[in-house]
N, C-alpha and C. Protein backbone atom coordinates (compact mmCIF):
# COMPACT_ATOMS: atom_id res chain seq x y z
N MET A 1 5.69 -14.63 12.13
CA MET A 1 6.06 -13.27 11.80
C MET A 1 5.07 -12.33 12.48
N PRO A 2 5.56 -11.25 13.13
CA PRO A 2 4.66 -10.34 13.83
C PRO A 2 3.79 -9.55 12.86
N SER A 3 2.61 -9.20 13.36
CA SER A 3 1.72 -8.34 12.60
C SER A 3 1.30 -7.19 13.50
N PHE A 4 0.76 -6.15 12.88
CA PHE A 4 0.40 -4.95 13.62
C PHE A 4 -1.05 -4.60 13.36
N LYS A 5 -1.76 -4.26 14.45
CA LYS A 5 -3.15 -3.85 14.36
C LYS A 5 -3.25 -2.47 13.72
N ILE A 6 -4.23 -2.29 12.86
CA ILE A 6 -4.46 -0.99 12.24
C ILE A 6 -5.75 -0.41 12.80
N ASP A 7 -5.66 0.78 13.36
CA ASP A 7 -6.80 1.46 13.97
C ASP A 7 -7.58 2.22 12.90
N LEU A 8 -8.81 1.80 12.66
CA LEU A 8 -9.67 2.47 11.68
C LEU A 8 -10.81 3.24 12.36
N SER A 9 -10.66 3.51 13.65
CA SER A 9 -11.76 4.12 14.40
C SER A 9 -12.16 5.50 13.89
N THR A 10 -11.26 6.24 13.26
CA THR A 10 -11.61 7.55 12.73
C THR A 10 -11.68 7.57 11.20
N ALA A 11 -11.52 6.42 10.58
CA ALA A 11 -11.48 6.33 9.11
C ALA A 11 -12.85 6.05 8.52
N VAL A 12 -12.99 6.40 7.26
CA VAL A 12 -14.15 6.03 6.46
C VAL A 12 -13.63 5.04 5.43
N VAL A 13 -14.32 3.90 5.30
CA VAL A 13 -13.83 2.83 4.42
C VAL A 13 -14.92 2.49 3.40
N PHE A 14 -14.51 2.40 2.14
CA PHE A 14 -15.41 2.02 1.05
C PHE A 14 -14.81 0.86 0.28
N VAL A 15 -15.68 0.03 -0.31
CA VAL A 15 -15.21 -1.03 -1.20
C VAL A 15 -14.77 -0.39 -2.50
N ALA A 16 -13.55 -0.67 -2.92
CA ALA A 16 -13.04 -0.16 -4.19
C ALA A 16 -13.19 -1.21 -5.28
N THR A 17 -12.87 -2.47 -4.95
CA THR A 17 -13.04 -3.57 -5.90
C THR A 17 -13.72 -4.73 -5.19
N ALA A 18 -14.62 -5.39 -5.89
CA ALA A 18 -15.37 -6.51 -5.33
C ALA A 18 -14.43 -7.66 -4.95
N PRO A 19 -14.85 -8.50 -4.01
CA PRO A 19 -14.02 -9.63 -3.60
C PRO A 19 -13.74 -10.58 -4.77
N GLU A 20 -12.50 -11.05 -4.82
CA GLU A 20 -12.09 -12.05 -5.80
C GLU A 20 -11.33 -13.15 -5.07
N PRO A 21 -11.48 -14.39 -5.49
CA PRO A 21 -10.74 -15.47 -4.85
C PRO A 21 -9.24 -15.21 -4.91
N LYS A 22 -8.57 -15.43 -3.78
CA LYS A 22 -7.10 -15.30 -3.75
C LYS A 22 -6.51 -16.63 -4.19
N MET A 23 -5.55 -16.56 -5.09
CA MET A 23 -4.96 -17.78 -5.64
C MET A 23 -3.62 -18.08 -4.97
N ALA A 24 -3.42 -19.34 -4.60
CA ALA A 24 -2.13 -19.79 -4.08
C ALA A 24 -1.19 -20.06 -5.25
N ASN A 25 -1.77 -20.56 -6.36
CA ASN A 25 -0.97 -20.86 -7.55
C ASN A 25 -1.83 -20.54 -8.77
N LYS A 26 -1.50 -19.47 -9.44
CA LYS A 26 -2.30 -19.04 -10.59
C LYS A 26 -2.21 -20.01 -11.76
N LYS A 27 -1.08 -20.68 -11.91
CA LYS A 27 -0.92 -21.63 -13.02
C LYS A 27 -1.83 -22.83 -12.87
N THR A 28 -1.96 -23.35 -11.64
CA THR A 28 -2.78 -24.54 -11.42
C THR A 28 -4.21 -24.20 -11.03
N GLY A 29 -4.45 -22.92 -10.68
CA GLY A 29 -5.78 -22.53 -10.24
C GLY A 29 -6.06 -22.87 -8.78
N GLU A 30 -5.01 -23.24 -8.04
CA GLU A 30 -5.18 -23.59 -6.63
C GLU A 30 -5.52 -22.34 -5.82
N ARG A 31 -6.60 -22.45 -5.06
CA ARG A 31 -7.08 -21.34 -4.24
C ARG A 31 -6.33 -21.26 -2.92
N ALA A 32 -6.05 -20.06 -2.47
CA ALA A 32 -5.41 -19.86 -1.17
C ALA A 32 -6.42 -20.13 -0.06
N VAL A 33 -5.95 -20.79 0.99
CA VAL A 33 -6.82 -21.10 2.14
C VAL A 33 -6.12 -20.69 3.43
N ASP A 34 -6.93 -20.41 4.43
CA ASP A 34 -6.42 -20.10 5.76
C ASP A 34 -5.80 -21.36 6.34
N ARG A 35 -4.58 -21.29 6.80
CA ARG A 35 -3.88 -22.47 7.31
C ARG A 35 -4.51 -23.04 8.56
N GLU A 36 -5.14 -22.20 9.37
CA GLU A 36 -5.74 -22.67 10.62
C GLU A 36 -7.13 -23.25 10.43
N THR A 37 -7.96 -22.59 9.60
CA THR A 37 -9.36 -23.01 9.48
C THR A 37 -9.67 -23.76 8.19
N GLY A 38 -8.82 -23.60 7.17
CA GLY A 38 -9.09 -24.22 5.89
C GLY A 38 -10.08 -23.44 5.03
N ASP A 39 -10.53 -22.28 5.52
CA ASP A 39 -11.47 -21.44 4.77
C ASP A 39 -10.79 -20.85 3.54
N GLY A 40 -11.53 -20.74 2.43
CA GLY A 40 -11.03 -20.07 1.25
C GLY A 40 -10.81 -18.59 1.53
N LEU A 41 -9.81 -18.01 0.89
CA LEU A 41 -9.50 -16.59 1.09
C LEU A 41 -9.84 -15.80 -0.17
N SER A 42 -10.25 -14.56 0.05
CA SER A 42 -10.53 -13.64 -1.05
C SER A 42 -9.80 -12.34 -0.79
N THR A 43 -9.63 -11.56 -1.85
CA THR A 43 -8.99 -10.25 -1.76
C THR A 43 -10.02 -9.19 -2.13
N ILE A 44 -10.07 -8.14 -1.32
CA ILE A 44 -11.00 -7.03 -1.54
C ILE A 44 -10.18 -5.74 -1.59
N GLY A 45 -10.45 -4.89 -2.57
CA GLY A 45 -9.83 -3.57 -2.61
C GLY A 45 -10.63 -2.63 -1.74
N LEU A 46 -9.98 -2.01 -0.76
CA LEU A 46 -10.65 -1.08 0.15
C LEU A 46 -10.01 0.29 0.06
N LEU A 47 -10.84 1.31 -0.05
CA LEU A 47 -10.38 2.69 -0.02
C LEU A 47 -10.57 3.19 1.41
N VAL A 48 -9.46 3.53 2.06
CA VAL A 48 -9.49 3.99 3.44
C VAL A 48 -9.14 5.48 3.45
N SER A 49 -10.06 6.28 3.95
CA SER A 49 -9.86 7.73 4.01
C SER A 49 -9.83 8.15 5.47
N ASP A 50 -8.72 8.82 5.85
CA ASP A 50 -8.57 9.25 7.24
C ASP A 50 -7.64 10.46 7.29
N GLU A 51 -8.02 11.46 8.04
CA GLU A 51 -7.22 12.67 8.24
C GLU A 51 -6.81 13.31 6.91
N GLY A 52 -7.75 13.37 5.96
CA GLY A 52 -7.51 14.04 4.69
C GLY A 52 -6.68 13.26 3.70
N GLU A 53 -6.41 12.00 3.98
CA GLU A 53 -5.61 11.16 3.09
C GLU A 53 -6.38 9.90 2.75
N GLY A 54 -6.36 9.51 1.48
CA GLY A 54 -7.02 8.28 1.05
C GLY A 54 -6.01 7.30 0.49
N ASN A 55 -6.16 6.04 0.85
CA ASN A 55 -5.26 4.99 0.36
C ASN A 55 -6.06 3.77 -0.05
N LEU A 56 -5.57 3.11 -1.07
CA LEU A 56 -6.20 1.88 -1.55
C LEU A 56 -5.38 0.70 -1.03
N TYR A 57 -6.05 -0.23 -0.37
CA TYR A 57 -5.40 -1.41 0.17
C TYR A 57 -6.06 -2.66 -0.40
N GLN A 58 -5.24 -3.65 -0.75
CA GLN A 58 -5.75 -4.96 -1.12
C GLN A 58 -5.72 -5.79 0.17
N VAL A 59 -6.88 -6.19 0.64
CA VAL A 59 -7.00 -6.85 1.94
C VAL A 59 -7.50 -8.27 1.74
N THR A 60 -6.81 -9.22 2.37
CA THR A 60 -7.22 -10.62 2.33
C THR A 60 -8.19 -10.87 3.47
N VAL A 61 -9.32 -11.54 3.14
CA VAL A 61 -10.37 -11.81 4.11
C VAL A 61 -10.87 -13.24 3.89
N PRO A 62 -11.11 -14.01 4.97
CA PRO A 62 -11.70 -15.34 4.79
C PRO A 62 -13.10 -15.21 4.20
N GLU A 63 -13.48 -16.17 3.37
CA GLU A 63 -14.81 -16.15 2.72
C GLU A 63 -15.94 -15.93 3.71
N ARG A 64 -15.87 -16.58 4.86
CA ARG A 64 -16.97 -16.47 5.83
C ARG A 64 -17.09 -15.06 6.40
N GLY A 65 -16.07 -14.21 6.22
CA GLY A 65 -16.09 -12.85 6.72
C GLY A 65 -16.52 -11.82 5.70
N ILE A 66 -17.06 -12.29 4.57
CA ILE A 66 -17.48 -11.38 3.50
C ILE A 66 -18.98 -11.51 3.29
N PRO A 67 -19.73 -10.41 3.46
CA PRO A 67 -21.17 -10.49 3.26
C PRO A 67 -21.53 -10.62 1.78
N GLU A 68 -22.66 -11.22 1.50
CA GLU A 68 -23.17 -11.35 0.12
C GLU A 68 -23.44 -9.97 -0.46
N GLY A 69 -23.20 -9.83 -1.75
CA GLY A 69 -23.58 -8.62 -2.46
C GLY A 69 -22.66 -7.43 -2.26
N LEU A 70 -21.46 -7.65 -1.76
CA LEU A 70 -20.52 -6.55 -1.56
C LEU A 70 -20.12 -5.98 -2.92
N GLN A 71 -20.33 -4.69 -3.11
CA GLN A 71 -20.08 -4.04 -4.39
C GLN A 71 -19.23 -2.78 -4.21
N PRO A 72 -18.47 -2.40 -5.24
CA PRO A 72 -17.70 -1.16 -5.18
C PRO A 72 -18.58 0.04 -4.84
N GLY A 73 -18.04 0.91 -4.00
CA GLY A 73 -18.75 2.11 -3.59
C GLY A 73 -19.48 1.97 -2.27
N MET A 74 -19.68 0.73 -1.79
CA MET A 74 -20.39 0.52 -0.54
C MET A 74 -19.52 0.90 0.65
N PRO A 75 -20.08 1.62 1.64
CA PRO A 75 -19.33 1.87 2.87
C PRO A 75 -19.30 0.57 3.69
N VAL A 76 -18.17 0.30 4.31
CA VAL A 76 -18.03 -0.93 5.10
C VAL A 76 -17.27 -0.64 6.40
N SER A 77 -17.41 -1.57 7.32
CA SER A 77 -16.60 -1.60 8.53
C SER A 77 -15.66 -2.79 8.39
N VAL A 78 -14.44 -2.62 8.85
CA VAL A 78 -13.44 -3.68 8.75
C VAL A 78 -13.12 -4.16 10.15
N ILE A 79 -13.22 -5.45 10.36
CA ILE A 79 -12.99 -6.04 11.67
C ILE A 79 -11.63 -6.73 11.67
N GLY A 80 -10.82 -6.35 12.65
CA GLY A 80 -9.53 -7.01 12.85
C GLY A 80 -8.51 -6.81 11.75
N LEU A 81 -8.37 -5.59 11.25
CA LEU A 81 -7.39 -5.34 10.19
C LEU A 81 -5.98 -5.33 10.78
N ARG A 82 -5.10 -6.10 10.15
CA ARG A 82 -3.71 -6.20 10.59
C ARG A 82 -2.80 -6.10 9.37
N ALA A 83 -1.57 -5.65 9.60
CA ALA A 83 -0.56 -5.54 8.54
C ALA A 83 0.68 -6.29 8.97
N ARG A 84 1.34 -6.90 8.00
CA ARG A 84 2.64 -7.53 8.27
C ARG A 84 3.50 -7.40 7.03
N ASP A 85 4.80 -7.29 7.27
CA ASP A 85 5.70 -7.17 6.14
C ASP A 85 6.06 -8.55 5.62
N TRP A 86 6.44 -8.62 4.35
CA TRP A 86 6.82 -9.89 3.74
C TRP A 86 8.00 -9.64 2.80
N GLU A 87 8.72 -10.73 2.54
CA GLU A 87 9.84 -10.67 1.61
C GLU A 87 10.02 -12.05 1.00
N ASN A 88 10.30 -12.10 -0.29
CA ASN A 88 10.61 -13.38 -0.93
C ASN A 88 11.55 -13.15 -2.09
N GLU A 89 12.07 -14.24 -2.60
CA GLU A 89 12.96 -14.16 -3.75
C GLU A 89 12.41 -15.08 -4.82
N PHE A 90 12.31 -14.55 -6.04
CA PHE A 90 11.78 -15.31 -7.16
C PHE A 90 12.64 -15.01 -8.38
N ASN A 91 13.17 -16.04 -8.98
CA ASN A 91 14.06 -15.88 -10.14
C ASN A 91 15.19 -14.90 -9.88
N GLY A 92 15.76 -14.98 -8.68
CA GLY A 92 16.90 -14.15 -8.34
C GLY A 92 16.57 -12.72 -7.99
N GLN A 93 15.29 -12.37 -7.96
CA GLN A 93 14.90 -11.01 -7.60
C GLN A 93 14.21 -11.01 -6.25
N LYS A 94 14.68 -10.14 -5.36
CA LYS A 94 14.04 -9.99 -4.06
C LYS A 94 12.86 -9.04 -4.18
N ARG A 95 11.77 -9.43 -3.56
CA ARG A 95 10.57 -8.61 -3.51
C ARG A 95 10.15 -8.46 -2.07
N HIS A 96 9.50 -7.36 -1.76
CA HIS A 96 9.02 -7.16 -0.40
C HIS A 96 7.82 -6.23 -0.42
N GLY A 97 7.07 -6.23 0.65
CA GLY A 97 5.90 -5.37 0.73
C GLY A 97 5.20 -5.54 2.05
N ILE A 98 3.98 -5.05 2.10
CA ILE A 98 3.15 -5.16 3.30
C ILE A 98 1.86 -5.87 2.89
N ALA A 99 1.50 -6.90 3.63
CA ALA A 99 0.26 -7.64 3.40
C ALA A 99 -0.78 -7.21 4.43
N PHE A 100 -2.02 -7.04 3.97
CA PHE A 100 -3.11 -6.65 4.86
C PHE A 100 -4.10 -7.79 4.97
N ARG A 101 -4.55 -8.05 6.19
CA ARG A 101 -5.48 -9.16 6.44
C ARG A 101 -6.52 -8.70 7.44
N ALA A 102 -7.77 -9.06 7.22
CA ALA A 102 -8.86 -8.73 8.14
C ALA A 102 -9.64 -9.98 8.48
N VAL A 103 -10.26 -9.97 9.62
CA VAL A 103 -11.11 -11.07 10.05
C VAL A 103 -12.41 -11.05 9.26
N ALA A 104 -12.96 -9.85 9.06
CA ALA A 104 -14.24 -9.72 8.36
C ALA A 104 -14.45 -8.29 7.88
N VAL A 105 -15.39 -8.17 6.93
CA VAL A 105 -15.85 -6.88 6.44
C VAL A 105 -17.36 -6.91 6.60
N SER A 106 -17.93 -5.83 7.13
CA SER A 106 -19.39 -5.79 7.26
C SER A 106 -19.94 -4.54 6.60
N THR A 107 -21.15 -4.64 6.08
CA THR A 107 -21.77 -3.50 5.41
C THR A 107 -22.20 -2.48 6.44
N GLY A 108 -22.17 -1.23 6.04
CA GLY A 108 -22.47 -0.13 6.94
C GLY A 108 -21.19 0.39 7.55
N ALA A 109 -21.15 1.68 7.76
CA ALA A 109 -19.92 2.30 8.29
C ALA A 109 -19.91 2.36 9.78
């Protein structure tokens, strides 16, 4: 499925919520992993402010791309942010949205 690069060159980005492990199956506690590398994945809430507009994004990042001690309120740089649309059906209901994924997050703006 195609994904699209997101340009953050003029944006200011802050951590909104600390990284949490992304779950593949919440019932079993199975952690989501990157299919290519096998790295565990985490989700970070990021507040992106650009051109007078602020948005909160839940971004999936491999564990190795997350620095220690990342806390809400910290300014960060996001490396390789991409978006892709998704759609699935569960219990007869169709759901869809946009998933955000980054290669890494680094401290400092």
